[in-house]
Amino acid sequence: MIKTDLAPHHCRIKKHHTKDTETVLTTFRDIASDSLASGELVRLSGGRRD
């Protein structure tokens, strides 16, 4: 799944605007990429759906 697939799905569930969700996803991608490039571990956990 890529950002353009994930953003509309999230918006349907949470009732957020697509542009806001895309901004969050882009920011997360940038932070995760920087962390991985510097040798840090990036872990996604949880999976809570409200």
Protein backbone atom coordinates (compact mmCIF):
# COMPACT_ATOMS: atom_id res chain seq x y z
CA MET A 1 0.00 0.00 0.00
CA ILE A 2 1.33 3.43 -0.90
CA LYS A 3 0.47 6.90 0.38
CA THR A 4 -2.09 7.58 -2.35
CA ASP A 5 -3.88 4.35 -1.35
CA LEU A 6 -3.60 4.86 2.39
CA ALA A 7 -4.68 8.50 2.66
CA PRO A 8 -8.22 8.11 1.25
CA HIS A 9 -8.76 4.95 3.31
CA HIS A 10 -7.73 6.78 6.50
CA CYS A 11 -9.96 9.72 5.62
CA ARG A 12 -13.01 7.49 5.24
CA ILE A 13 -12.40 5.94 8.67
CA LYS A 14 -11.38 9.07 10.60
CA LYS A 15 -13.23 11.75 8.63
CA HIS A 16 -10.03 13.75 8.07
CA HIS A 17 -9.17 15.71 4.95
CA THR A 18 -6.98 13.91 2.43
CA LYS A 19 -4.43 16.74 2.30
CA ASP A 20 -3.96 16.66 6.09
CA THR A 21 -3.47 12.90 6.05
CA GLU A 22 -1.00 13.12 3.17
CA THR A 23 1.00 15.72 5.14
CA VAL A 24 1.19 13.40 8.16
CA LEU A 25 2.21 10.43 6.01
CA THR A 26 4.89 12.44 4.20
CA THR A 27 6.27 13.71 7.51
CA PHE A 28 6.36 10.18 8.90
CA ARG A 29 8.12 8.91 5.78
CA ASP A 30 10.74 11.65 6.03
CA ILE A 31 11.40 11.02 9.72
CA ALA A 32 11.55 7.23 9.24
CA SER A 33 13.90 7.59 6.25
CA ASP A 34 16.24 9.88 8.18
CA SER A 35 16.22 7.53 11.15
CA LEU A 36 16.97 4.46 9.02
CA ALA A 37 19.72 6.29 7.16
CA SER A 38 21.42 7.06 10.47
CA GLY A 39 21.17 3.43 11.59
CA GLU A 40 18.25 3.78 13.98
CA LEU A 41 15.51 1.17 14.30
CA VAL A 42 12.05 2.17 13.07
CA ARG A 43 9.24 0.05 14.48
CA LEU A 44 5.52 0.23 13.80
CA SER A 45 3.44 -1.46 16.43
CA GLY A 46 -0.06 -1.43 17.78
CA GLY A 47 -2.64 -1.43 15.08
CA ARG A 48 -5.41 0.11 17.13
CA ARG A 49 -8.46 0.98 15.06
CA ASP A 50 -10.95 3.41 16.61
